[in-house]
Protein backbone atom coordinates (compact mmCIF):
# COMPACT_ATOMS: atom_id res chain seq x y z
CA MET A 1 91.97 80.93 111.19
CA LYS A 2 91.01 84.12 112.96
CA PHE A 3 92.74 87.38 112.04
CA ASN A 4 95.63 87.42 114.53
CA THR A 5 96.48 83.83 113.71
CA LYS A 6 96.44 84.59 109.99
CA LEU A 7 99.00 87.35 110.54
CA ILE A 8 101.45 84.68 111.67
CA HIS A 9 100.30 81.48 109.98
CA GLY A 10 98.22 82.60 107.01
CA ASN A 11 99.26 80.64 103.89
CA LEU A 12 102.49 79.68 105.64
CA LYS A 13 104.35 76.71 104.21
CA THR A 14 107.50 75.41 105.87
CA ASP A 15 110.15 73.91 103.61
CA GLU A 16 112.03 70.66 104.07
CA THR A 17 114.28 72.27 106.71
CA GLY A 18 111.32 73.05 108.97
CA ALA A 19 112.31 76.72 109.23
CA THR A 20 109.46 78.77 110.71
CA ASN A 21 110.59 81.99 109.02
CA THR A 22 110.08 82.25 105.27
CA PRO A 23 113.41 81.57 103.53
CA LEU A 24 115.01 84.58 101.85
CA HIS A 25 115.67 83.79 98.18
CA LEU A 26 118.24 86.35 97.02
CA SER A 27 118.48 85.09 93.48
CA ASN A 28 117.88 86.99 90.25
CA ALA A 29 117.09 83.83 88.29
CA PHE A 30 116.30 80.15 88.87
CA ALA A 31 117.89 77.16 87.10
CA HIS A 32 115.91 74.18 85.81
CA ASN A 33 116.95 70.68 84.75
CA THR A 34 115.21 70.68 81.39
CA ALA A 35 114.38 73.16 78.65
CA GLU A 36 110.80 71.89 78.73
CA LYS A 37 110.41 72.84 82.39
CA LEU A 38 111.59 76.42 81.86
CA GLU A 39 109.44 76.72 78.74
CA GLY A 40 106.38 75.68 80.75
CA ILE A 41 107.12 78.20 83.49
CA MET A 42 107.54 81.03 81.00
CA LYS A 43 104.32 80.07 79.22
CA GLY A 44 102.46 79.78 82.52
CA THR A 45 101.57 76.15 82.01
CA SER A 46 103.90 74.90 84.76
CA MET A 47 104.49 76.06 88.33
CA GLY A 48 107.92 77.43 89.18
CA TYR A 49 110.20 80.44 89.10
CA ALA A 50 112.32 81.83 86.30
CA TYR A 51 113.29 85.44 87.08
CA THR A 52 112.71 87.55 90.20
CA ARG A 53 111.34 90.51 88.24
CA ILE A 54 108.43 88.21 87.38
CA SER A 55 108.13 86.21 90.60
CA ASN A 56 110.21 85.07 93.57
CA PRO A 57 109.45 82.50 96.31
CA THR A 58 109.92 84.97 99.17
CA VAL A 59 107.76 87.57 97.47
CA THR A 60 105.12 84.93 96.74
CA SER A 61 104.99 84.07 100.45
CA PHE A 62 104.36 87.71 101.28
CA GLU A 63 101.67 88.01 98.60
CA ARG A 64 99.90 84.91 99.90
CA ARG A 65 100.00 86.20 103.48
CA ILE A 66 98.46 89.55 102.50
CA ALA A 67 95.79 87.88 100.36
CA SER A 68 94.93 85.71 103.35
CA ILE A 69 94.49 88.51 105.89
CA GLU A 70 92.78 90.87 103.43
CA GLY A 71 90.31 88.22 102.27
CA GLY A 72 91.35 88.53 98.64
CA LEU A 73 91.64 85.95 95.89
CA ALA A 74 95.25 86.84 95.12
CA ALA A 75 97.81 89.60 95.69
CA THR A 76 100.62 91.09 93.62
CA ALA A 77 103.51 92.88 95.31
CA ALA A 78 105.22 95.98 93.92
CA ALA A 79 108.34 98.01 94.62
CA SER A 80 106.43 100.78 96.43
CA GLY A 81 102.94 101.95 97.27
CA MET A 82 103.02 104.41 94.38
CA SER A 83 104.05 101.73 91.89
CA ALA A 84 101.24 99.53 93.22
CA ILE A 85 98.73 102.32 92.52
CA TYR A 86 100.14 102.89 89.04
CA LEU A 87 100.11 99.21 88.13
CA ALA A 88 96.63 98.64 89.58
CA ILE A 89 95.17 101.44 87.47
CA MET A 90 97.13 100.87 84.24
CA ASN A 91 96.10 97.22 84.28
CA ILE A 92 92.54 98.43 83.60
CA VAL A 93 92.49 101.68 81.65
CA GLU A 94 93.15 102.56 78.04
CA CYS A 95 93.41 105.87 76.18
CA GLY A 96 90.07 107.67 76.33
CA ASP A 97 88.97 106.13 79.62
CA GLU A 98 87.96 108.10 82.70
CA ILE A 99 88.60 107.70 86.42
CA ILE A 100 86.63 109.24 89.29
CA ALA A 101 88.66 109.89 92.42
CA SER A 102 88.38 111.60 95.77
CA SER A 103 89.98 115.04 95.95
CA GLY A 104 91.21 114.20 99.47
CA LEU A 105 93.83 111.73 98.25
CA PHE A 106 97.46 111.65 99.37
CA GLY A 107 99.37 114.33 97.45
CA GLY A 108 101.54 111.86 95.54
CA THR A 109 98.49 109.85 94.45
CA TYR A 110 96.67 113.01 93.43
CA ALA A 111 99.63 114.05 91.26
CA LEU A 112 99.95 110.58 89.71
CA LEU A 113 96.28 110.53 88.71
CA LYS A 114 96.35 114.09 87.43
CA ASN A 115 99.35 113.29 85.23
CA LEU A 116 97.53 110.40 83.56
CA LYS A 117 96.21 112.99 81.10
CA SER A 118 99.51 112.43 79.25
CA TYR A 119 98.14 108.97 78.39
CA GLY A 120 94.77 110.30 77.30
CA ILE A 121 93.11 109.28 80.57
CA ASN A 122 90.82 111.82 82.20
CA VAL A 123 90.41 112.00 85.98
CA LYS A 124 87.51 113.72 87.73
CA PHE A 125 88.22 114.66 91.36
CA LEU A 126 85.20 114.88 93.66
CA GLU A 127 85.11 116.43 97.12
CA ASN A 128 82.80 113.64 98.26
CA LEU A 129 82.55 110.14 96.88
CA ASP A 130 78.88 109.33 97.46
CA GLU A 131 75.91 108.15 95.44
CA GLU A 132 74.71 111.61 94.42
CA SER A 133 78.11 112.96 93.34
CA LEU A 134 79.05 109.78 91.47
CA GLU A 135 75.77 109.52 89.58
CA ALA A 136 76.27 113.10 88.39
CA VAL A 137 79.59 112.43 86.63
CA ILE A 138 79.62 108.74 85.56
CA ASN A 139 79.56 108.30 81.79
CA GLU A 140 80.24 105.61 79.20
CA ASN A 141 84.02 106.17 79.47
CA THR A 142 84.20 105.75 83.25
CA LYS A 143 86.16 102.63 84.23
CA ILE A 144 87.42 103.17 87.80
CA VAL A 145 86.36 104.80 91.04
CA PHE A 146 89.37 105.37 93.31
CA GLY A 147 89.31 106.33 96.97
CA GLU A 148 91.18 106.01 100.26
CA THR A 149 89.58 104.48 103.34
CA LEU A 150 90.79 107.61 105.15
CA GLY A 151 92.09 110.53 103.12
CA ASN A 152 95.70 111.49 103.74
CA PRO A 153 95.93 114.04 105.31
CA LYS A 154 92.27 115.13 104.95
CA LEU A 155 91.14 112.13 107.04
CA ASP A 156 87.71 112.11 105.43
CA VAL A 157 86.02 108.72 105.81
CA LEU A 158 85.02 106.80 102.71
CA ASP A 159 81.59 105.13 102.83
CA ILE A 160 82.76 101.98 101.06
CA GLU A 161 79.36 100.27 100.95
CA GLU A 162 77.64 103.27 99.37
CA VAL A 163 80.32 103.72 96.71
CA ALA A 164 80.43 99.98 96.01
CA LYS A 165 76.67 99.98 95.39
CA VAL A 166 77.04 102.63 92.70
CA CYS A 167 80.05 100.88 91.17
CA ASN A 168 78.16 97.59 91.00
CA LYS A 169 75.19 99.30 89.36
CA HIS A 170 77.41 100.73 86.59
CA ASN A 171 79.92 97.86 86.50
CA LEU A 172 82.85 100.08 87.49
CA ILE A 173 86.02 98.83 89.15
CA PHE A 174 86.22 100.14 92.71
CA ILE A 175 89.81 100.54 93.95
CA VAL A 176 90.43 101.38 97.60
CA ASP A 177 93.74 102.42 99.13
CA SER A 178 93.66 101.07 102.69
CA THR A 179 97.21 102.01 103.70
CA ILE A 180 96.25 104.14 106.71
CA THR A 181 93.67 101.72 108.10
CA THR A 182 95.29 98.32 107.36
CA PRO A 183 93.41 94.99 107.38
CA PHE A 184 93.35 95.16 111.19
CA LEU A 185 90.80 97.99 111.12
CA ILE A 186 88.95 97.22 107.90
CA ARG A 187 88.94 94.81 104.97
CA PRO A 188 87.33 96.79 102.12
CA ILE A 189 86.62 93.71 99.97
CA GLU A 190 84.05 92.66 102.58
CA TYR A 191 82.19 95.93 101.88
CA GLY A 192 82.30 95.69 98.08
CA ALA A 193 85.72 96.93 96.94
CA ASP A 194 87.15 95.12 93.91
CA ILE A 195 90.82 95.98 94.45
CA VAL A 196 92.64 96.96 97.65
CA ILE A 197 96.04 98.66 97.68
CA HIS A 198 98.56 99.12 100.48
CA SER A 199 101.79 100.97 100.75
CA THR A 200 103.38 98.23 102.83
CA SER A 201 106.14 100.68 103.74
CA LYS A 202 103.80 101.99 106.45
CA TYR A 203 101.90 99.99 109.09
CA ILE A 204 102.28 96.58 107.47
CA ASN A 205 106.05 96.83 107.72
CA GLY A 206 105.82 98.89 110.89
CA THR A 207 109.43 99.88 111.42
CA SER A 208 110.32 101.93 108.32
CA ASN A 209 113.03 99.57 107.12
CA SER A 210 111.68 98.68 103.67
CA ILE A 211 109.68 100.23 100.85
CA GLY A 212 106.92 98.18 99.24
CA GLY A 213 103.39 98.04 97.90
CA ILE A 214 100.76 95.42 97.22
CA ILE A 215 97.63 95.00 95.10
CA VAL A 216 94.93 92.67 96.44
CA ASP A 217 92.47 91.24 93.92
CA GLY A 218 88.97 90.59 95.28
CA GLY A 219 88.09 88.29 92.39
CA SER A 220 85.47 90.45 90.68
CA SER A 221 83.52 89.18 87.68
CA LYS A 222 83.07 92.73 86.29
CA TYR A 223 85.88 92.25 83.77
CA LYS A 224 83.52 90.11 81.66
CA ASP A 225 81.61 93.28 80.76
CA ILE A 226 82.02 94.42 77.17
CA LYS A 227 83.45 97.76 78.34
CA TYR A 228 86.55 95.89 79.56
CA LYS A 229 87.41 94.48 76.14
CA ASN A 230 91.10 94.44 77.04
CA PHE A 231 90.22 91.68 79.53
CA ASN A 232 88.41 89.42 77.05
CA GLU A 233 91.22 86.88 76.74
CA TYR A 234 91.81 86.73 80.48
CA SER A 235 88.16 86.59 81.54
CA LYS A 236 87.51 83.63 79.26
CA LYS A 237 90.58 81.73 80.37
CA PHE A 238 90.95 82.66 84.04
CA GLY A 239 87.48 83.70 85.24
CA LYS A 240 87.68 85.54 88.57
CA MET A 241 91.49 85.50 88.34
CA ALA A 242 91.28 87.68 85.21
CA TYR A 243 92.60 90.84 86.89
CA THR A 244 95.65 89.23 88.50
CA SER A 245 96.40 87.10 85.42
CA LYS A 246 96.41 90.15 83.16
CA LEU A 247 98.44 92.17 85.66
CA ARG A 248 101.14 89.50 85.92
CA ASN A 249 101.30 88.90 82.18
CA THR A 250 101.28 92.53 81.00
CA VAL A 251 102.02 95.77 82.86
CA GLY A 252 103.15 94.10 86.08
CA LYS A 253 105.80 92.13 84.24
CA ASP A 254 106.70 94.78 81.67
CA ILE A 255 107.23 97.77 83.97
CA GLY A 256 109.50 95.77 86.25
CA ALA A 257 108.45 97.47 89.50
CA SER A 258 108.95 94.27 91.46
CA LEU A 259 109.30 94.02 95.22
CA ALA A 260 112.78 93.06 96.37
CA PRO A 261 112.88 89.66 98.14
CA PHE A 262 114.64 91.18 101.15
CA ASN A 263 111.88 93.79 101.49
CA ALA A 264 109.27 91.05 101.26
CA PHE A 265 111.08 89.20 104.05
CA LEU A 266 111.12 92.33 106.25
CA ASN A 267 107.44 92.93 105.59
CA LEU A 268 106.62 89.35 106.51
CA THR A 269 108.46 89.86 109.79
CA GLY A 270 106.66 93.12 110.49
CA ILE A 271 103.15 91.99 109.71
CA GLU A 272 103.11 89.39 112.48
CA THR A 273 102.77 92.18 115.07
CA LEU A 274 100.28 94.31 113.11
CA SER A 275 97.38 93.81 115.53
CA LEU A 276 99.46 94.59 118.60
CA ARG A 277 100.89 97.72 117.04
CA MET A 278 97.60 99.01 115.61
CA ARG A 279 95.88 98.74 118.99
CA GLU A 280 98.59 100.94 120.53
CA HIS A 281 98.61 103.35 117.57
CA CYS A 282 94.85 103.86 117.80
CA SER A 283 94.79 104.13 121.57
CA ASN A 284 97.63 106.65 121.66
CA THR A 285 96.19 108.68 118.78
CA LEU A 286 92.82 109.09 120.46
CA ALA A 287 94.58 110.21 123.65
CA VAL A 288 96.65 112.75 121.71
CA ALA A 289 93.57 113.99 119.85
CA LYS A 290 91.74 114.60 123.12
CA PHE A 291 94.79 116.32 124.60
CA LEU A 292 95.13 118.66 121.61
CA SER A 293 91.40 119.41 121.64
CA ASN A 294 91.82 120.91 125.10
CA ASN A 295 94.77 123.13 124.15
CA SER A 296 93.84 126.77 123.50
CA LYS A 297 96.67 127.18 120.97
CA VAL A 298 95.17 124.51 118.71
CA THR A 299 92.45 125.91 116.45
CA SER A 300 91.13 122.51 115.28
CA VAL A 301 91.83 118.78 115.56
CA ASN A 302 90.80 116.18 112.99
CA TYR A 303 90.60 112.56 114.10
CA PRO A 304 87.51 110.60 112.98
CA SER A 305 87.19 108.76 116.32
CA LEU A 306 86.69 112.04 118.18
CA SER A 307 83.01 112.61 118.95
CA THR A 308 83.46 116.22 117.74
CA SER A 309 84.68 115.14 114.28
CA LYS A 310 82.33 115.74 111.36
CA TYR A 311 83.29 112.23 110.20
CA TYR A 312 82.49 110.62 113.56
CA ASN A 313 79.21 108.95 112.62
CA ILE A 314 80.51 107.37 109.41
CA ALA A 315 83.73 106.39 111.21
CA GLN A 316 81.69 104.53 113.82
CA LYS A 317 80.09 102.49 111.04
CA TYR A 318 83.45 101.10 109.94
CA TYR A 319 86.04 101.74 112.66
CA LYS A 320 85.04 100.37 116.05
CA ASN A 321 88.67 99.83 117.12
CA GLY A 322 89.93 103.32 116.28
CA ALA A 323 90.46 105.31 113.09
CA SER A 324 94.16 104.63 112.53
CA GLY A 325 97.24 106.25 114.02
CA VAL A 326 97.09 109.53 112.08
CA LEU A 327 95.56 112.86 113.07
CA THR A 328 95.88 116.45 111.94
CA PHE A 329 95.66 119.72 113.83
CA ARG A 330 95.99 123.42 113.06
CA LEU A 331 97.95 126.07 114.94
CA GLY A 332 96.73 129.31 113.41
CA SER A 333 99.72 130.11 111.20
CA LYS A 334 102.59 128.54 109.29
CA GLU A 335 104.97 130.30 111.68
CA ASN A 336 103.38 128.55 114.66
CA ALA A 337 103.41 125.21 112.87
CA PHE A 338 107.13 125.50 112.08
CA LYS A 339 107.94 126.71 115.59
CA PHE A 340 106.11 123.71 117.05
CA ILE A 341 108.02 121.26 114.85
CA ASN A 342 111.36 122.90 115.59
CA ASN A 343 110.84 122.59 119.35
CA LEU A 344 109.99 118.89 119.43
CA LYS A 345 112.64 116.69 121.03
CA MET A 346 111.43 113.12 120.59
CA ILE A 347 108.87 113.35 117.77
CA LEU A 348 110.58 113.21 114.38
CA ASN A 349 109.98 115.61 111.47
CA ILE A 350 109.78 113.11 108.63
CA THR A 351 107.82 112.25 105.47
CA ASN A 352 106.33 108.97 106.60
CA ILE A 353 103.54 107.41 108.63
CA GLY A 354 103.02 104.03 110.26
CA ASP A 355 106.33 103.80 112.10
CA THR A 356 106.59 102.63 115.71
CA LYS A 357 107.94 106.14 116.35
CA THR A 358 105.78 109.27 116.46
CA LEU A 359 106.29 111.37 113.31
CA ILE A 360 105.18 114.83 112.25
CA ILE A 361 105.12 116.76 109.00
CA HIS A 362 103.91 120.06 107.58
CA PRO A 363 102.04 118.78 104.47
CA ALA A 364 101.67 122.11 102.66
CA SER A 365 105.43 122.62 102.34
CA THR A 366 106.40 118.97 101.80
CA ILE A 367 104.23 116.12 100.51
CA CYS A 368 101.72 118.54 98.94
CA SER A 369 104.18 121.23 97.86
CA SER A 370 103.67 120.47 94.16
CA ASN A 371 99.90 120.87 94.38
CA THR A 372 98.16 124.13 93.53
CA GLU A 373 96.51 126.20 96.26
CA ASN A 374 93.09 125.11 95.01
CA GLU A 375 94.13 121.45 95.08
CA LYS A 376 95.52 121.83 98.59
CA GLU A 377 92.23 123.27 99.77
CA GLN A 378 90.36 120.31 98.23
CA MET A 379 92.79 117.97 100.00
CA GLY A 380 92.23 119.68 103.35
CA VAL A 381 95.78 121.04 103.44
CA PHE A 382 96.42 124.49 104.91
CA ASP A 383 99.53 126.46 105.85
CA ASP A 384 98.94 125.96 109.57
CA LEU A 385 98.08 122.25 109.33
CA LEU A 386 100.30 119.53 110.82
CA ARG A 387 99.93 115.78 110.32
CA LEU A 388 100.92 113.62 113.27
CA SER A 389 101.52 109.89 112.91
CA VAL A 390 101.31 108.71 116.50
CA GLY A 391 103.67 105.92 117.46
CA ILE A 392 103.60 103.26 120.13
CA GLU A 393 105.86 104.94 122.68
CA ASP A 394 104.49 105.49 126.19
CA ILE A 395 101.67 108.01 125.86
CA GLU A 396 103.07 110.10 128.71
CA ASP A 397 106.28 110.73 126.74
CA ILE A 398 104.40 111.63 123.56
CA LEU A 399 102.18 114.10 125.39
CA PHE A 400 105.13 115.61 127.28
CA ASP A 401 106.96 116.32 124.02
CA ILE A 402 103.83 117.87 122.49
CA GLU A 403 103.14 120.03 125.54
CA SER A 404 106.77 121.20 125.73
CA ALA A 405 106.74 122.24 122.07
CA MET A 406 103.39 124.02 122.53
CA ASN A 407 104.99 126.19 125.20
CA SER A 408 107.20 127.73 122.47
CA ILE A 409 104.13 129.22 120.77
CA ASN A 410 102.96 132.61 122.05
């Protein structure tokens, strides 16, 4: 199947009723006719379901669909994007290990990684994830390199192939958060990523009606390396399914951050229109970026598909269909930024991206408020910076609202 078809039919199995929508299984637990059957399910020697915290048929359908469109071996859903990041990392690391990460990460992810020091895990944040910077800091304790396809809200573009080359050389697990770009724009496994993460609450769902996250396993053989001794049992028994097998049998099961079946159902409904929505998001965002670039009250605009962007060349390597539906711009002062937000009529001031609606936020005072001033600077967050998640409304209405709000600024 080609991509658009996979969005609708990928790993789809109709049940005996012939229903074309995945059935919604709102059941905490599942009954079985014999003790032997349930024993086999719990041991993993038989197929079936026992308890929704561990697995659920509706959630499984969603996982299979995402694995299909992302080109992964398997996928594991989680209660949120943040829980997906936590589970993906904690499935690998142990006390004393190190992680290398981009300093341009989403504020919540940055804080999560920074706080891993409580578990004896050190994180090194680099302004640029490239061959030179990585080679300078990799040591015997390094286990993971973590980056975002596009930083949020820095919007720096990750050169996935270059980073993957270094990770392969040193046998490091390369985890990529592709929330902003989605599988419509890029599939990082094709460029060498080992694990791909999405906050499905954003573009995959599309309408902001359910929180969720997912971890896609690319089927790496790196876990056989002696440095990943905590994978020994799983690598021998499950081969390229070692990562997912360990995740489902340890931290994924024990933490209990499972995706609700109803949220899985809503995400399955949303993902069918992902291509249609992303085309409009990207088209509208480029139009807004060009419009803002010509406004004298705007001191700078950051959208990687703009020819004036410092990330333009690397963006063209990976993003031929647009660089997502998110842009940032600066208005000279926090006062101007707040005045602009307060004078918008249609665009919503909200802590989210990826909705069909156009959304705006002042990152410094909200999603990055817990970060230090130095961290904010590394993340590309300034007091006059606004992040705009451009929706799929008519572009004329989006631009009218922006222009009207600009008129409030002296």
